[in-house]
PDB file of all heavy atoms in Angstrom:
ATOM      1  N   ARG A   1       5.518  21.685  -5.467  1.00  0.00           N
ATOM      2  CA  ARG A   1       5.473  20.285  -5.909  1.00  0.00           C
ATOM      3  C   ARG A   1       4.066  19.728  -5.717  1.00  0.00           C
ATOM      4  O   ARG A   1       3.341  20.125  -4.831  1.00  0.00           O
ATOM      5  CB  ARG A   1       6.446  19.404  -5.114  1.00  0.00           C
ATOM      6  CG  ARG A   1       7.909  19.787  -5.192  1.00  0.00           C
ATOM      7  CD  ARG A   1       8.472  19.763  -6.604  1.00  0.00           C
ATOM      8  NE  ARG A   1       8.347  21.105  -7.166  1.00  0.00           N
ATOM      9  CZ  ARG A   1       8.439  21.419  -8.437  1.00  0.00           C
ATOM     10  NH1 ARG A   1       8.639  20.521  -9.346  1.00  0.00           N
ATOM     11  NH2 ARG A   1       8.330  22.661  -8.843  1.00  0.00           N
ATOM     12  N   THR A   2       3.741  18.790  -6.554  1.00  0.00           N
ATOM     13  CA  THR A   2       2.447  18.131  -6.507  1.00  0.00           C
ATOM     14  C   THR A   2       2.625  16.727  -5.949  1.00  0.00           C
ATOM     15  O   THR A   2       3.573  16.033  -6.305  1.00  0.00           O
ATOM     16  CB  THR A   2       1.856  18.053  -7.930  1.00  0.00           C
ATOM     17  OG1 THR A   2       1.778  19.378  -8.462  1.00  0.00           O
ATOM     18  CG2 THR A   2       0.482  17.429  -7.920  1.00  0.00           C
ATOM     19  N   VAL A   3       1.728  16.334  -5.072  1.00  0.00           N
ATOM     20  CA  VAL A   3       1.736  14.984  -4.512  1.00  0.00           C
ATOM     21  C   VAL A   3       0.559  14.233  -5.145  1.00  0.00           C
ATOM     22  O   VAL A   3      -0.581  14.705  -5.101  1.00  0.00           O
ATOM     23  CB  VAL A   3       1.610  15.006  -2.968  1.00  0.00           C
ATOM     24  CG1 VAL A   3       1.573  13.592  -2.408  1.00  0.00           C
ATOM     25  CG2 VAL A   3       2.757  15.807  -2.353  1.00  0.00           C
ATOM     26  N   TYR A   4       0.856  13.066  -5.724  1.00  0.00           N
ATOM     27  CA  TYR A   4      -0.162  12.294  -6.440  1.00  0.00           C
ATOM     28  C   TYR A   4      -0.642  11.112  -5.605  1.00  0.00           C
ATOM     29  O   TYR A   4       0.123  10.506  -4.862  1.00  0.00           O
ATOM     30  CB  TYR A   4       0.416  11.785  -7.767  1.00  0.00           C
ATOM     31  CG  TYR A   4       0.683  12.903  -8.740  1.00  0.00           C
ATOM     32  CD1 TYR A   4       1.918  13.543  -8.762  1.00  0.00           C
ATOM     33  CD2 TYR A   4      -0.308  13.334  -9.603  1.00  0.00           C
ATOM     34  CE1 TYR A   4       2.161  14.585  -9.646  1.00  0.00           C
ATOM     35  CE2 TYR A   4      -0.072  14.379 -10.491  1.00  0.00           C
ATOM     36  CZ  TYR A   4       1.164  14.999 -10.498  1.00  0.00           C
ATOM     37  OH  TYR A   4       1.393  16.028 -11.373  1.00  0.00           O
ATOM     38  N   PHE A   5      -1.920  10.775  -5.775  1.00  0.00           N
ATOM     39  CA  PHE A   5      -2.549   9.675  -5.056  1.00  0.00           C
ATOM     40  C   PHE A   5      -3.253   8.767  -6.051  1.00  0.00           C
ATOM     41  O   PHE A   5      -3.740   9.226  -7.083  1.00  0.00           O
ATOM     42  CB  PHE A   5      -3.579  10.216  -4.052  1.00  0.00           C
ATOM     43  CG  PHE A   5      -2.975  11.091  -2.990  1.00  0.00           C
ATOM     44  CD1 PHE A   5      -2.750  12.438  -3.210  1.00  0.00           C
ATOM     45  CD2 PHE A   5      -2.624  10.555  -1.757  1.00  0.00           C
ATOM     46  CE1 PHE A   5      -2.184  13.240  -2.232  1.00  0.00           C
ATOM     47  CE2 PHE A   5      -2.068  11.341  -0.774  1.00  0.00           C
ATOM     48  CZ  PHE A   5      -1.843  12.694  -1.010  1.00  0.00           C
ATOM     49  N   ASN A   6      -3.341   7.469  -5.718  1.00  0.00           N
ATOM     50  CA  ASN A   6      -3.995   6.536  -6.622  1.00  0.00           C
ATOM     51  C   ASN A   6      -5.479   6.359  -6.316  1.00  0.00           C
ATOM     52  O   ASN A   6      -6.177   5.687  -7.045  1.00  0.00           O
ATOM     53  CB  ASN A   6      -3.293   5.175  -6.611  1.00  0.00           C
ATOM     54  CG  ASN A   6      -3.318   4.509  -5.260  1.00  0.00           C
ATOM     55  OD1 ASN A   6      -3.847   5.056  -4.302  1.00  0.00           O
ATOM     56  ND2 ASN A   6      -2.722   3.334  -5.163  1.00  0.00           N
ATOM     57  N   ASN A   7      -5.956   6.920  -5.236  1.00  0.00           N
ATOM     58  CA  ASN A   7      -7.365   6.798  -4.849  1.00  0.00           C
ATOM     59  C   ASN A   7      -7.841   8.088  -4.207  1.00  0.00           C
ATOM     60  O   ASN A   7      -7.059   8.811  -3.605  1.00  0.00           O
ATOM     61  CB  ASN A   7      -7.559   5.686  -3.802  1.00  0.00           C
ATOM     62  CG  ASN A   7      -7.642   4.325  -4.414  1.00  0.00           C
ATOM     63  OD1 ASN A   7      -8.193   4.154  -5.488  1.00  0.00           O
ATOM     64  ND2 ASN A   7      -7.065   3.350  -3.744  1.00  0.00           N
ATOM     65  N   LYS A   8      -9.130   8.326  -4.306  1.00  0.00           N
ATOM     66  CA  LYS A   8      -9.742   9.425  -3.559  1.00  0.00           C
ATOM     67  C   LYS A   8      -9.796   8.969  -2.107  1.00  0.00           C
ATOM     68  O   LYS A   8     -10.177   7.847  -1.807  1.00  0.00           O
ATOM     69  CB  LYS A   8     -11.147   9.688  -4.096  1.00  0.00           C
ATOM     70  CG  LYS A   8     -11.822  10.849  -3.481  1.00  0.00           C
ATOM     71  CD  LYS A   8     -11.675  12.068  -4.368  1.00  0.00           C
ATOM     72  CE  LYS A   8     -12.548  13.187  -3.832  1.00  0.00           C
ATOM     73  NZ  LYS A   8     -11.815  14.398  -3.657  1.00  0.00           N
ATOM     74  N   ILE A   9      -9.373   9.829  -1.185  1.00  0.00           N
ATOM     75  CA  ILE A   9      -9.323   9.460   0.224  1.00  0.00           C
ATOM     76  C   ILE A   9     -10.459  10.168   0.949  1.00  0.00           C
ATOM     77  O   ILE A   9     -10.556  11.395   0.899  1.00  0.00           O
ATOM     78  CB  ILE A   9      -7.956   9.846   0.825  1.00  0.00           C
ATOM     79  CG1 ILE A   9      -6.843   9.116   0.057  1.00  0.00           C
ATOM     80  CG2 ILE A   9      -7.895   9.531   2.306  1.00  0.00           C
ATOM     81  CD1 ILE A   9      -5.481   9.694   0.258  1.00  0.00           C
ATOM     82  N   PRO A  10     -11.339   9.407   1.611  1.00  0.00           N
ATOM     83  CA  PRO A  10     -12.475  10.017   2.300  1.00  0.00           C
ATOM     84  C   PRO A  10     -12.025  11.085   3.296  1.00  0.00           C
ATOM     85  O   PRO A  10     -11.060  10.904   4.037  1.00  0.00           O
ATOM     86  CB  PRO A  10     -13.122   8.835   3.039  1.00  0.00           C
ATOM     87  CG  PRO A  10     -12.636   7.620   2.322  1.00  0.00           C
ATOM     88  CD  PRO A  10     -11.285   7.966   1.774  1.00  0.00           C
ATOM     89  N   GLY A  11     -12.696  12.249   3.267  1.00  0.00           N
ATOM     90  CA  GLY A  11     -12.401  13.326   4.189  1.00  0.00           C
ATOM     91  C   GLY A  11     -11.170  14.139   3.818  1.00  0.00           C
ATOM     92  O   GLY A  11     -10.711  14.988   4.570  1.00  0.00           O
ATOM     93  N   PHE A  12     -10.630  13.907   2.634  1.00  0.00           N
ATOM     94  CA  PHE A  12      -9.398  14.546   2.205  1.00  0.00           C
ATOM     95  C   PHE A  12      -9.672  15.215   0.870  1.00  0.00           C
ATOM     96  O   PHE A  12     -10.118  14.564  -0.072  1.00  0.00           O
ATOM     97  CB  PHE A  12      -8.326  13.454   2.077  1.00  0.00           C
ATOM     98  CG  PHE A  12      -6.923  13.947   1.988  1.00  0.00           C
ATOM     99  CD1 PHE A  12      -6.338  14.599   3.054  1.00  0.00           C
ATOM    100  CD2 PHE A  12      -6.180  13.720   0.855  1.00  0.00           C
ATOM    101  CE1 PHE A  12      -5.023  15.027   2.982  1.00  0.00           C
ATOM    102  CE2 PHE A  12      -4.860  14.140   0.771  1.00  0.00           C
ATOM    103  CZ  PHE A  12      -4.296  14.804   1.840  1.00  0.00           C
ATOM    104  N   THR A  13      -9.456  16.503   0.754  1.00  0.00           N
ATOM    105  CA  THR A  13      -9.756  17.236  -0.472  1.00  0.00           C
ATOM    106  C   THR A  13      -8.609  17.080  -1.471  1.00  0.00           C
ATOM    107  O   THR A  13      -7.494  17.497  -1.200  1.00  0.00           O
ATOM    108  CB  THR A  13      -9.964  18.732  -0.168  1.00  0.00           C
ATOM    109  OG1 THR A  13     -10.951  18.858   0.832  1.00  0.00           O
ATOM    110  CG2 THR A  13     -10.373  19.481  -1.416  1.00  0.00           C
ATOM    111  N   LEU A  14      -8.920  16.448  -2.586  1.00  0.00           N
ATOM    112  CA  LEU A  14      -7.937  16.253  -3.648  1.00  0.00           C
ATOM    113  C   LEU A  14      -8.509  16.775  -4.952  1.00  0.00           C
ATOM    114  O   LEU A  14      -9.719  16.766  -5.160  1.00  0.00           O
ATOM    115  CB  LEU A  14      -7.608  14.766  -3.821  1.00  0.00           C
ATOM    116  CG  LEU A  14      -6.972  14.046  -2.641  1.00  0.00           C
ATOM    117  CD1 LEU A  14      -6.876  12.553  -2.918  1.00  0.00           C
ATOM    118  CD2 LEU A  14      -5.601  14.607  -2.344  1.00  0.00           C
ATOM    119  N   MET A  15      -7.634  17.237  -5.835  1.00  0.00           N
ATOM    120  CA  MET A  15      -8.037  17.634  -7.182  1.00  0.00           C
ATOM    121  C   MET A  15      -7.736  16.453  -8.093  1.00  0.00           C
ATOM    122  O   MET A  15      -6.940  15.600  -7.738  1.00  0.00           O
ATOM    123  CB  MET A  15      -7.224  18.855  -7.622  1.00  0.00           C
ATOM    124  CG  MET A  15      -7.404  20.043  -6.683  1.00  0.00           C
ATOM    125  SD  MET A  15      -6.181  21.320  -6.957  1.00  0.00           S
ATOM    126  CE  MET A  15      -4.823  20.684  -6.008  1.00  0.00           C
ATOM    127  N   GLY A  16      -8.336  16.406  -9.232  1.00  0.00           N
ATOM    128  CA  GLY A  16      -7.943  15.355 -10.159  1.00  0.00           C
ATOM    129  C   GLY A  16      -9.071  14.771 -10.956  1.00  0.00           C
ATOM    130  O   GLY A  16     -10.183  15.260 -10.946  1.00  0.00           O
ATOM    131  N   SER A  17      -8.717  13.694 -11.639  1.00  0.00           N
ATOM    132  CA  SER A  17      -9.647  13.012 -12.525  1.00  0.00           C
ATOM    133  C   SER A  17     -10.090  11.709 -11.883  1.00  0.00           C
ATOM    134  O   SER A  17      -9.835  11.456 -10.721  1.00  0.00           O
ATOM    135  CB  SER A  17      -8.951  12.730 -13.858  1.00  0.00           C
ATOM    136  OG  SER A  17      -7.907  11.795 -13.640  1.00  0.00           O
ATOM    137  N   LYS A  18     -10.692  10.870 -12.684  1.00  0.00           N
ATOM    138  CA  LYS A  18     -11.212   9.593 -12.197  1.00  0.00           C
ATOM    139  C   LYS A  18     -10.112   8.667 -11.675  1.00  0.00           C
ATOM    140  O   LYS A  18     -10.307   7.949 -10.716  1.00  0.00           O
ATOM    141  CB  LYS A  18     -11.972   8.910 -13.340  1.00  0.00           C
ATOM    142  CG  LYS A  18     -12.705   7.682 -12.945  1.00  0.00           C
ATOM    143  CD  LYS A  18     -13.523   7.183 -14.117  1.00  0.00           C
ATOM    144  CE  LYS A  18     -14.286   5.942 -13.708  1.00  0.00           C
ATOM    145  NZ  LYS A  18     -15.052   5.395 -14.808  1.00  0.00           N
ATOM    146  N   ASN A  19      -8.931   8.692 -12.295  1.00  0.00           N
ATOM    147  CA  ASN A  19      -7.876   7.741 -11.945  1.00  0.00           C
ATOM    148  C   ASN A  19      -6.665   8.348 -11.237  1.00  0.00           C
ATOM    149  O   ASN A  19      -5.842   7.625 -10.713  1.00  0.00           O
ATOM    150  CB  ASN A  19      -7.374   7.022 -13.202  1.00  0.00           C
ATOM    151  CG  ASN A  19      -8.484   6.230 -13.852  1.00  0.00           C
ATOM    152  OD1 ASN A  19      -9.289   5.619 -13.166  1.00  0.00           O
ATOM    153  ND2 ASN A  19      -8.541   6.271 -15.165  1.00  0.00           N
ATOM    154  N   LEU A  20      -6.517   9.669 -11.257  1.00  0.00           N
ATOM    155  CA  LEU A  20      -5.338  10.286 -10.664  1.00  0.00           C
ATOM    156  C   LEU A  20      -5.752  11.508  -9.849  1.00  0.00           C
ATOM    157  O   LEU A  20      -6.396  12.414 -10.366  1.00  0.00           O
ATOM    158  CB  LEU A  20      -4.356  10.699 -11.763  1.00  0.00           C
ATOM    159  CG  LEU A  20      -3.024  11.251 -11.300  1.00  0.00           C
ATOM    160  CD1 LEU A  20      -2.229  10.180 -10.549  1.00  0.00           C
ATOM    161  CD2 LEU A  20      -2.222  11.752 -12.487  1.00  0.00           C
ATOM    162  N   PHE A  21      -5.385  11.498  -8.587  1.00  0.00           N
ATOM    163  CA  PHE A  21      -5.743  12.581  -7.691  1.00  0.00           C
ATOM    164  C   PHE A  21      -4.460  13.242  -7.210  1.00  0.00           C
ATOM    165  O   PHE A  21      -3.429  12.595  -7.073  1.00  0.00           O
ATOM    166  CB  PHE A  21      -6.536  12.041  -6.505  1.00  0.00           C
ATOM    167  CG  PHE A  21      -7.782  11.319  -6.925  1.00  0.00           C
ATOM    168  CD1 PHE A  21      -7.777   9.942  -7.110  1.00  0.00           C
ATOM    169  CD2 PHE A  21      -8.946  12.013  -7.169  1.00  0.00           C
ATOM    170  CE1 PHE A  21      -8.916   9.276  -7.519  1.00  0.00           C
ATOM    171  CE2 PHE A  21     -10.093  11.357  -7.583  1.00  0.00           C
ATOM    172  CZ  PHE A  21     -10.084   9.981  -7.754  1.00  0.00           C
ATOM    173  N   TYR A  22      -4.528  14.542  -6.958  1.00  0.00           N
ATOM    174  CA  TYR A  22      -3.317  15.239  -6.547  1.00  0.00           C
ATOM    175  C   TYR A  22      -3.650  16.432  -5.659  1.00  0.00           C
ATOM    176  O   TYR A  22      -4.784  16.893  -5.600  1.00  0.00           O
ATOM    177  CB  TYR A  22      -2.513  15.697  -7.767  1.00  0.00           C
ATOM    178  CG  TYR A  22      -3.253  16.684  -8.646  1.00  0.00           C
ATOM    179  CD1 TYR A  22      -3.114  18.055  -8.452  1.00  0.00           C
ATOM    180  CD2 TYR A  22      -4.089  16.240  -9.670  1.00  0.00           C
ATOM    181  CE1 TYR A  22      -3.806  18.943  -9.248  1.00  0.00           C
ATOM    182  CE2 TYR A  22      -4.775  17.124 -10.474  1.00  0.00           C
ATOM    183  CZ  TYR A  22      -4.625  18.482 -10.259  1.00  0.00           C
ATOM    184  OH  TYR A  22      -5.307  19.372 -11.045  1.00  0.00           O
ATOM    185  N   THR A  23      -2.634  16.914  -4.990  1.00  0.00           N
ATOM    186  CA  THR A  23      -2.759  18.124  -4.192  1.00  0.00           C
ATOM    187  C   THR A  23      -1.373  18.712  -3.997  1.00  0.00           C
ATOM    188  O   THR A  23      -0.369  18.084  -4.293  1.00  0.00           O
ATOM    189  CB  THR A  23      -3.449  17.848  -2.836  1.00  0.00           C
ATOM    190  OG1 THR A  23      -3.798  19.088  -2.233  1.00  0.00           O
ATOM    191  CG2 THR A  23      -2.558  17.049  -1.908  1.00  0.00           C
ATOM    192  N   LYS A  24      -1.327  19.926  -3.495  1.00  0.00           N
ATOM    193  CA  LYS A  24      -0.074  20.583  -3.142  1.00  0.00           C
ATOM    194  C   LYS A  24      -0.102  20.806  -1.634  1.00  0.00           C
ATOM    195  O   LYS A  24      -1.155  20.970  -1.052  1.00  0.00           O
ATOM    196  CB  LYS A  24       0.072  21.917  -3.873  1.00  0.00           C
ATOM    197  CG  LYS A  24       0.239  21.757  -5.369  1.00  0.00           C
ATOM    198  CD  LYS A  24       0.471  23.103  -6.031  1.00  0.00           C
ATOM    199  CE  LYS A  24       0.505  23.017  -7.533  1.00  0.00           C
ATOM    200  NZ  LYS A  24       1.515  22.207  -8.112  1.00  0.00           N
ATOM    201  N   PHE A  25       1.057  20.808  -1.017  1.00  0.00           N
ATOM    202  CA  PHE A  25       1.154  21.039   0.417  1.00  0.00           C
ATOM    203  C   PHE A  25       2.037  22.253   0.666  1.00  0.00           C
ATOM    204  O   PHE A  25       2.856  22.622  -0.173  1.00  0.00           O
ATOM    205  CB  PHE A  25       1.729  19.807   1.131  1.00  0.00           C
ATOM    206  CG  PHE A  25       0.798  18.642   1.116  1.00  0.00           C
ATOM    207  CD1 PHE A  25       0.896  17.670   0.140  1.00  0.00           C
ATOM    208  CD2 PHE A  25      -0.203  18.527   2.069  1.00  0.00           C
ATOM    209  CE1 PHE A  25       0.022  16.601   0.106  1.00  0.00           C
ATOM    210  CE2 PHE A  25      -1.086  17.459   2.037  1.00  0.00           C
ATOM    211  CZ  PHE A  25      -0.975  16.496   1.059  1.00  0.00           C
ATOM    212  N   ASN A  26       1.862  22.856   1.796  1.00  0.00           N
ATOM    213  CA  ASN A  26       2.647  24.021   2.185  1.00  0.00           C
ATOM    214  C   ASN A  26       3.836  23.606   3.047  1.00  0.00           C
ATOM    215  O   ASN A  26       3.712  22.710   3.882  1.00  0.00           O
ATOM    216  CB  ASN A  26       1.777  24.994   2.980  1.00  0.00           C
ATOM    217  CG  ASN A  26       0.633  25.526   2.160  1.00  0.00           C
ATOM    218  OD1 ASN A  26       0.843  26.053   1.077  1.00  0.00           O
ATOM    219  ND2 ASN A  26      -0.578  25.380   2.653  1.00  0.00           N
ATOM    220  N   TYR A  27       4.949  24.271   2.854  1.00  0.00           N
ATOM    221  CA  TYR A  27       6.149  24.025   3.651  1.00  0.00           C
ATOM    222  C   TYR A  27       6.665  25.354   4.174  1.00  0.00           C
ATOM    223  O   TYR A  27       6.445  26.405   3.568  1.00  0.00           O
ATOM    224  CB  TYR A  27       7.242  23.354   2.799  1.00  0.00           C
ATOM    225  CG  TYR A  27       6.866  21.970   2.362  1.00  0.00           C
ATOM    226  CD1 TYR A  27       6.134  21.759   1.201  1.00  0.00           C
ATOM    227  CD2 TYR A  27       7.206  20.861   3.128  1.00  0.00           C
ATOM    228  CE1 TYR A  27       5.769  20.485   0.805  1.00  0.00           C
ATOM    229  CE2 TYR A  27       6.849  19.586   2.740  1.00  0.00           C
ATOM    230  CZ  TYR A  27       6.129  19.406   1.578  1.00  0.00           C
ATOM    231  OH  TYR A  27       5.766  18.152   1.195  1.00  0.00           O
ATOM    232  N   SER A  28       7.350  25.300   5.301  1.00  0.00           N
ATOM    233  CA  SER A  28       7.925  26.501   5.890  1.00  0.00           C
ATOM    234  C   SER A  28       9.226  26.154   6.596  1.00  0.00           C
ATOM    235  O   SER A  28       9.397  25.048   7.101  1.00  0.00           O
ATOM    236  CB  SER A  28       6.943  27.097   6.904  1.00  0.00           C
ATOM    237  OG  SER A  28       7.543  28.181   7.576  1.00  0.00           O
ATOM    238  N   ASN A  29      10.145  27.106   6.639  1.00  0.00           N
ATOM    239  CA  ASN A  29      11.343  26.960   7.461  1.00  0.00           C
ATOM    240  C   ASN A  29      11.345  28.024   8.550  1.00  0.00           C
ATOM    241  O   ASN A  29      12.359  28.282   9.174  1.00  0.00           O
ATOM    242  CB  ASN A  29      12.619  27.041   6.617  1.00  0.00           C
ATOM    243  CG  ASN A  29      12.730  28.338   5.847  1.00  0.00           C
ATOM    244  OD1 ASN A  29      12.055  29.314   6.142  1.00  0.00           O
ATOM    245  ND2 ASN A  29      13.582  28.356   4.848  1.00  0.00           N
TER     246      ASN A  29
END
């Protein structure tokens, strides 16, 4: 799943364009 953000967050690596930033996270059981 992709998690979307409305802003670039300082110190946080996100992929995306000028208006939409996103990343994927890892999960484990």
